[in-house]
Protein backbone atom coordinates (compact mmCIF):
# COMPACT_ATOMS: atom_id res chain seq x y z
CA UNK A 1 95.56 90.72 87.34
CA UNK A 2 97.92 90.10 90.22
CA UNK A 3 100.11 93.06 89.52
CA UNK A 4 97.20 95.49 89.28
CA UNK A 5 95.88 93.88 92.55
CA UNK A 6 99.11 95.44 94.11
CA UNK A 7 98.11 98.98 93.46
CA UNK A 8 94.35 98.24 93.30
CA UNK A 9 93.91 95.63 96.21
CA UNK A 10 89.93 96.00 96.02
CA UNK A 11 89.69 95.90 92.22
CA UNK A 12 87.17 93.28 90.82
CA UNK A 13 87.46 92.02 87.52
CA UNK A 14 84.26 91.06 84.91
CA UNK A 15 84.47 89.82 81.45
CA UNK A 16 85.49 86.52 79.74
CA UNK A 17 88.52 84.46 80.96
CA UNK A 18 89.99 81.14 81.06
CA UNK A 19 90.47 78.94 84.52
CA UNK A 20 93.58 80.87 85.71
CA UNK A 21 91.90 84.24 85.44
CA UNK A 22 88.67 82.72 87.32
CA UNK A 23 91.23 81.42 89.98
CA UNK A 24 92.28 85.16 90.28
CA UNK A 25 88.73 86.19 90.96
CA UNK A 26 87.39 87.18 87.49
CA UNK A 27 83.76 86.73 87.09
CA UNK A 28 83.52 85.27 83.53
CA UNK A 29 80.41 85.35 81.40
CA UNK A 30 81.05 82.39 79.41
CA UNK A 31 83.40 79.40 78.87
CA UNK A 32 86.42 80.89 76.92
CA UNK A 33 86.28 77.83 74.60
CA UNK A 34 83.22 79.41 73.13
CA UNK A 35 85.31 81.91 71.83
CA UNK A 36 87.77 79.57 70.00
CA UNK A 37 87.53 80.31 66.01
CA UNK A 38 90.19 79.95 63.43
CA UNK A 39 90.34 81.63 59.94
CA UNK A 40 87.71 83.57 58.19
CA UNK A 41 85.07 81.02 57.76
CA UNK A 42 84.83 79.82 61.35
CA UNK A 43 84.03 83.18 62.78
CA UNK A 44 81.24 83.53 60.24
CA UNK A 45 79.58 80.31 60.96
CA UNK A 46 79.62 80.91 64.71
CA UNK A 47 78.64 84.63 64.32
CA UNK A 48 75.42 84.52 66.09
CA UNK A 49 77.27 82.81 69.31
CA UNK A 50 79.79 85.60 69.38
CA UNK A 51 77.50 88.17 69.03
CA UNK A 52 75.38 86.98 71.79
CA UNK A 53 78.45 86.76 74.08
CA UNK A 54 79.57 90.01 72.96
CA UNK A 55 76.47 92.10 73.78
CA UNK A 56 76.22 90.10 77.06
CA UNK A 57 79.85 90.81 78.04
CA UNK A 58 79.31 94.48 77.03
CA UNK A 59 76.41 94.99 79.28
CA UNK A 60 77.82 93.30 82.16
CA UNK A 61 81.08 95.45 82.02
CA UNK A 62 78.76 98.63 81.67
CA UNK A 63 76.65 97.42 84.50
CA UNK A 64 79.67 96.92 86.50
CA UNK A 65 80.63 100.63 86.24
CA UNK A 66 84.11 99.57 84.97
CA UNK A 67 87.19 101.88 85.02
CA UNK A 68 89.32 100.24 82.29
CA UNK A 69 88.71 97.49 79.75
CA UNK A 70 91.54 95.34 78.75
CA UNK A 71 91.03 93.00 75.87
CA UNK A 72 93.60 90.23 75.54
CA UNK A 73 94.38 89.01 71.90
CA UNK A 74 91.21 87.80 69.95
CA UNK A 75 91.05 91.02 68.03
CA UNK A 76 87.81 90.09 66.21
CA UNK A 77 85.92 90.10 69.28
CA UNK A 78 87.93 92.40 71.68
CA UNK A 79 88.21 95.58 69.20
CA UNK A 80 84.43 95.43 68.61
CA UNK A 81 84.00 95.43 72.36
CA UNK A 82 86.67 98.11 72.94
CA UNK A 83 84.87 100.26 70.44
CA UNK A 84 81.49 99.90 72.19
CA UNK A 85 82.85 100.55 75.50
CA UNK A 86 84.89 103.70 74.44
CA UNK A 87 81.93 105.41 73.39
CA UNK A 88 80.46 104.89 77.06
CA UNK A 89 83.81 106.71 78.51
CA UNK A 90 85.47 103.59 79.79
CA UNK A 91 89.43 103.54 79.17
CA UNK A 92 90.26 100.78 76.61
CA UNK A 93 93.64 98.92 76.43
CA UNK A 94 94.29 96.13 74.02
CA UNK A 95 97.04 93.56 75.25
CA UNK A 96 98.88 91.68 72.20
CA UNK A 97 99.13 93.74 69.08
CA UNK A 98 97.19 92.63 65.93
CA UNK A 99 99.78 91.88 63.21
CA UNK A 100 99.04 95.13 61.46
CA UNK A 101 102.83 95.21 60.62
CA UNK A 102 102.21 91.91 58.49
CA UNK A 103 98.83 92.47 56.83
CA UNK A 104 95.78 94.74 56.67
CA UNK A 105 97.48 97.73 57.75
CA UNK A 106 94.59 99.86 57.12
CA UNK A 107 93.16 98.24 60.36
CA UNK A 108 95.53 100.75 62.18
CA UNK A 109 92.95 103.70 61.68
CA UNK A 110 90.03 101.75 63.21
CA UNK A 111 92.19 100.47 66.02
CA UNK A 112 92.89 104.15 66.67
CA UNK A 113 89.45 105.10 67.19
CA UNK A 114 88.69 102.09 69.63
CA UNK A 115 91.65 102.02 72.07
CA UNK A 116 93.60 104.34 74.43
CA UNK A 117 96.54 102.07 74.81
CA UNK A 118 98.23 99.21 72.99
CA UNK A 119 100.48 97.02 75.02
CA UNK A 120 102.75 95.14 72.58
CA UNK A 121 104.90 91.82 73.31
CA UNK A 122 107.48 92.55 70.70
CA UNK A 123 109.57 95.69 70.22
CA UNK A 124 109.51 95.92 66.53
CA UNK A 125 105.50 96.30 66.83
CA UNK A 126 105.86 99.86 68.37
CA UNK A 127 106.77 101.48 65.22
CA UNK A 128 103.47 101.42 63.16
CA UNK A 129 101.67 102.74 66.44
CA UNK A 130 104.10 105.55 66.99
CA UNK A 131 103.77 106.76 63.33
CA UNK A 132 99.93 106.71 63.77
CA UNK A 133 100.00 108.60 67.15
CA UNK A 134 98.73 105.57 68.98
CA UNK A 135 99.91 105.54 72.53
CA UNK A 136 101.85 101.99 72.87
CA UNK A 137 104.04 100.45 75.27
CA UNK A 138 106.35 97.37 74.75
CA UNK A 139 105.88 95.28 78.17
CA UNK A 140 107.98 91.96 76.89
CA UNK A 141 106.53 88.60 76.77
CA UNK A 142 105.24 86.92 79.76
CA UNK A 143 106.48 83.31 78.64
CA UNK A 144 110.02 85.17 78.59
CA UNK A 145 109.70 85.90 82.31
CA UNK A 146 108.26 82.31 83.22
CA UNK A 147 111.06 80.55 81.32
CA UNK A 148 114.76 80.56 82.57
CA UNK A 149 117.45 81.85 80.76
CA UNK A 150 119.78 78.95 81.51
CA UNK A 151 118.68 75.56 81.16
CA UNK A 152 118.32 73.20 84.22
CA UNK A 153 120.10 70.16 83.41
CA UNK A 154 118.44 68.42 86.63
CA UNK A 155 114.88 69.56 85.18
CA UNK A 156 115.80 67.99 81.91
CA UNK A 157 116.86 64.72 83.32
CA UNK A 158 113.78 64.61 85.55
CA UNK A 159 111.26 65.12 82.91
CA UNK A 160 112.83 62.57 80.52
CA UNK A 161 112.87 60.02 83.33
CA UNK A 162 108.99 60.95 83.80
CA UNK A 163 108.39 59.97 80.39
CA UNK A 164 110.60 56.84 80.53
CA UNK A 165 112.92 57.92 77.84
CA UNK A 166 115.71 55.80 77.55
CA UNK A 167 119.46 57.38 77.00
CA UNK A 168 119.61 56.06 73.33
CA UNK A 169 116.24 57.43 72.44
CA UNK A 170 115.57 60.62 70.57
CA UNK A 171 112.49 62.57 71.21
CA UNK A 172 110.47 64.75 69.05
CA UNK A 173 107.51 66.64 70.58
CA UNK A 174 104.45 67.19 68.13
CA UNK A 175 102.53 70.36 68.72
CA UNK A 176 99.61 70.36 65.98
CA UNK A 177 97.81 73.43 67.72
CA UNK A 178 95.29 74.47 70.36
CA UNK A 179 92.18 74.76 68.27
CA UNK A 180 90.11 72.00 66.83
CA UNK A 181 90.40 73.45 63.17
CA UNK A 182 94.15 73.63 63.64
CA UNK A 183 94.48 69.96 64.75
CA UNK A 184 92.04 69.10 61.95
CA UNK A 185 94.36 70.65 59.41
CA UNK A 186 97.74 69.87 60.78
CA UNK A 187 97.64 66.89 62.90
CA UNK A 188 97.14 64.02 59.93
CA UNK A 189 100.48 65.40 58.24
CA UNK A 190 102.10 65.56 61.54
CA UNK A 191 101.30 61.97 62.40
CA UNK A 192 102.19 60.75 58.93
CA UNK A 193 105.42 62.58 59.25
CA UNK A 194 106.21 60.74 62.47
CA UNK A 195 105.44 57.37 60.75
CA UNK A 196 108.16 58.31 57.83
CA UNK A 197 110.55 59.18 60.77
CA UNK A 198 110.36 55.91 62.59
CA UNK A 199 111.30 54.13 59.08
CA UNK A 200 114.63 55.77 59.34
CA UNK A 201 115.10 56.29 63.14
CA UNK A 202 113.41 53.28 64.96
CA UNK A 203 114.44 54.45 68.41
CA UNK A 204 112.43 57.77 67.99
CA UNK A 205 109.91 58.79 70.55
CA UNK A 206 106.87 61.25 70.26
CA UNK A 207 105.40 63.45 73.01
CA UNK A 208 102.05 65.01 71.85
CA UNK A 209 100.63 67.49 74.26
CA UNK A 210 97.00 68.06 73.97
CA UNK A 211 95.51 71.71 74.94
CA UNK A 212 92.52 70.29 76.67
CA UNK A 213 90.17 67.18 76.98
CA UNK A 214 88.37 68.17 73.52
CA UNK A 215 91.78 68.13 71.66
CA UNK A 216 92.82 65.07 73.43
CA UNK A 217 89.67 63.04 72.18
CA UNK A 218 90.29 64.72 68.78
CA UNK A 219 93.70 63.64 68.71
CA UNK A 220 92.95 59.97 69.95
CA UNK A 221 90.37 59.64 67.01
CA UNK A 222 93.35 60.59 64.43
CA UNK A 223 95.84 58.00 66.14
CA UNK A 224 93.51 54.94 65.84
CA UNK A 225 95.16 52.28 63.79
CA UNK A 226 98.64 53.85 64.15
CA UNK A 227 101.41 52.20 65.95
CA UNK A 228 103.43 55.16 66.97
CA UNK A 229 105.59 55.05 70.27
CA UNK A 230 104.26 58.02 71.92
CA UNK A 231 102.83 59.80 75.09
CA UNK A 232 99.29 62.04 74.66
CA UNK A 233 98.54 64.03 77.65
CA UNK A 234 96.59 67.10 78.51
CA UNK A 235 98.34 70.30 79.62
CA UNK A 236 101.92 69.03 79.55
CA UNK A 237 103.28 71.18 76.59
CA UNK A 238 106.24 72.75 78.49
CA UNK A 239 107.49 69.63 80.17
CA UNK A 240 107.10 67.71 76.59
CA UNK A 241 109.04 70.32 74.72
CA UNK A 242 111.50 70.37 77.41
CA UNK A 243 112.21 66.67 76.96
CA UNK A 244 112.40 66.83 73.28
CA UNK A 245 115.41 66.95 71.30
CA UNK A 246 113.31 68.50 68.25
CA UNK A 247 109.94 70.03 68.16
CA UNK A 248 107.48 69.80 65.12
CA UNK A 249 105.11 72.69 65.71
CA UNK A 250 102.18 74.56 64.17
CA UNK A 251 102.69 78.28 63.84
CA UNK A 252 101.91 80.67 66.60
CA UNK A 253 103.01 81.30 70.43
CA UNK A 254 104.28 77.52 70.56
CA UNK A 255 107.07 78.50 68.41
CA UNK A 256 108.02 81.18 70.83
CA UNK A 257 107.89 78.71 73.71
CA UNK A 258 110.04 76.29 71.74
CA UNK A 259 112.65 79.15 71.08
CA UNK A 260 112.58 80.09 74.85
CA UNK A 261 113.21 76.59 75.89
CA UNK A 262 116.22 76.57 73.35
CA UNK A 263 115.03 73.84 71.21
CA UNK A 264 115.38 73.27 67.64
CA UNK A 265 112.23 73.16 65.55
CA UNK A 266 110.34 72.91 62.38
CA UNK A 267 107.25 75.18 61.94
CA UNK A 268 104.57 74.22 59.92
CA UNK A 269 100.86 75.64 59.29
CA UNK A 270 97.83 74.86 57.27
CA UNK A 271 94.65 76.67 56.98
CA UNK A 272 91.53 75.82 54.75
CA UNK A 273 92.23 76.40 51.09
CA UNK A 274 89.65 79.25 50.81
CA UNK A 275 90.88 80.98 53.91
CA UNK A 276 94.50 80.57 52.62
CA UNK A 277 93.77 81.86 49.09
CA UNK A 278 92.80 85.32 51.10
CA UNK A 279 95.30 85.37 53.72
CA UNK A 280 98.33 84.57 51.25
CA UNK A 281 97.14 87.73 49.18
CA UNK A 282 97.07 90.07 52.28
CA UNK A 283 100.09 89.09 54.30
CA UNK A 284 103.25 91.37 53.87
CA UNK A 285 105.62 89.43 55.63
CA UNK A 286 109.06 87.77 55.01
CA UNK A 287 108.44 85.27 57.61
CA UNK A 288 105.80 83.27 59.59
CA UNK A 289 107.72 81.63 62.38
CA UNK A 290 108.06 84.02 65.45
CA UNK A 291 111.81 83.43 66.06
CA UNK A 292 112.33 84.21 62.38
CA UNK A 293 110.28 87.42 62.52
CA UNK A 294 111.88 88.70 65.78
CA UNK A 295 115.34 87.93 64.37
CA UNK A 296 114.71 88.67 60.58
CA UNK A 297 116.57 85.64 59.62
CA UNK A 298 115.64 81.86 58.73
CA UNK A 299 116.56 80.48 61.93
CA UNK A 300 113.55 78.00 61.55
CA UNK A 301 112.41 75.93 58.86
CA UNK A 302 109.01 77.13 57.90
CA UNK A 303 106.80 74.59 55.73
CA UNK A 304 103.51 76.25 54.90
CA UNK A 305 100.12 74.98 53.34
CA UNK A 306 100.91 72.93 50.27
CA UNK A 307 104.78 72.89 51.16
CA UNK A 308 103.72 71.04 54.61
CA UNK A 309 103.66 67.53 53.28
CA UNK A 310 104.58 64.51 55.51
CA UNK A 311 107.54 64.07 53.40
CA UNK A 312 109.00 67.63 53.94
CA UNK A 313 108.11 67.56 57.40
CA UNK A 314 109.66 64.30 58.13
CA UNK A 315 112.96 65.35 56.16
CA UNK A 316 113.06 68.72 58.14
CA UNK A 317 112.73 67.15 61.26
CA UNK A 318 115.45 64.25 60.76
CA UNK A 319 117.92 66.86 59.50
CA UNK A 320 117.62 68.63 62.77
CA UNK A 321 117.90 65.30 64.84
CA UNK A 322 121.04 64.35 62.77
CA UNK A 323 122.73 67.78 63.19
CA UNK A 324 125.54 67.45 65.57
CA UNK A 325 126.03 71.19 66.74
CA UNK A 326 122.99 73.53 67.30
CA UNK A 327 125.11 76.18 69.31
CA UNK A 328 124.90 78.81 66.85
CA UNK A 329 121.00 78.45 66.69
CA UNK A 330 120.71 78.52 70.36
CA UNK A 331 122.80 81.58 70.88
CA UNK A 332 120.38 83.34 68.44
CA UNK A 333 117.31 82.31 70.51
CA UNK A 334 119.12 83.27 73.90
CA UNK A 335 119.61 86.76 72.63
CA UNK A 336 115.84 86.99 71.48
CA UNK A 337 114.88 85.63 74.86
CA UNK A 338 116.90 88.39 76.70
CA UNK A 339 115.38 91.16 74.55
CA UNK A 340 111.84 89.90 75.71
CA UNK A 341 112.45 89.46 79.35
CA UNK A 342 111.07 92.64 80.81
CA UNK A 343 108.58 91.60 83.75
CA UNK A 344 105.71 91.58 81.49
CA UNK A 345 102.83 91.70 84.11
CA UNK A 346 104.42 94.52 85.97
CA UNK A 347 105.27 96.39 82.98
CA UNK A 348 101.46 96.13 81.64
CA UNK A 349 100.00 96.71 84.86
CA UNK A 350 102.16 100.11 85.46
CA UNK A 351 101.18 101.32 81.86
CA UNK A 352 97.60 100.45 82.39
CA UNK A 353 97.71 102.21 85.95
CA UNK A 354 99.15 105.19 84.46
CA UNK A 355 96.20 105.45 81.84
CA UNK A 356 93.65 104.93 84.62
CA UNK A 357 95.38 107.74 86.88
CA UNK A 358 95.85 110.13 84.01
CA UNK A 359 92.04 109.81 83.33
CA UNK A 360 91.20 110.92 86.66
């Protein structure tokens, strides 16, 4: 939004956005938390609410005489909306490619009918769009721009001091997910694993960032009757990851952020049994953790579904804590970081501007 306003200073933005987009001037039609869904069952349960928001947002965008629609992630909702708006002559962009390279590759035909431009975060994603004659631009990842290539020792010292971490203490950051369903499935195993780790390393400390106040309340309920030396706070994920020696993380963008911060990690993921039974038969990908996908190497331990037991999680994290030399791993992380650092906001805005100007 900021980069687009350089070329279009009088631009206005309508749709659905979070607090930062609203601060930039977006008129948001609903609380973005209302769109938070996970798996297959959750969207079905909340279909009436999602459809109400969909049609309300569609009508508002058409009413505003929008020049271009940019759907950011949330494919279920945004691609439906893009299809409706494209039929009304509005140029459509999707930012963050669906994982068509990993599963449900047949979606590419439907996507081609709904969007004029795909903006990808990762270079390997271009291939499938180019093969299907869909305009796509690799813009890099915003987080790769935000996070410095080189670690700042003073920053590391300051965040550890902020959390009162003693010199002899090892720290594990625990990130069980940002959605309620993710926390419900993963957090109990993560917390059980933390208790097991303490038995072998009594000087361990744990840092748990909550995505918002709702997730904090959910985690506090799960922490009742547990005696874990931990800090739980809202909106402090990056500093907590920076302060950590090892990160135990749910699958998703947090694995990328941990990699960009050059932190060893263990990735885990759980879904509902029914959802997992469907997904596991559809996925055609060797890896799940983003560092592994980007490198096509098993850089990060992956513990999925029934393999994600507290015992296995504890063992994998302790193994990383006890390892003396992570330099090879961190060099791999650095190479990926450099490949994704392209000034994504500027690149995305330039591609959108080219699409808009070409339509006039």
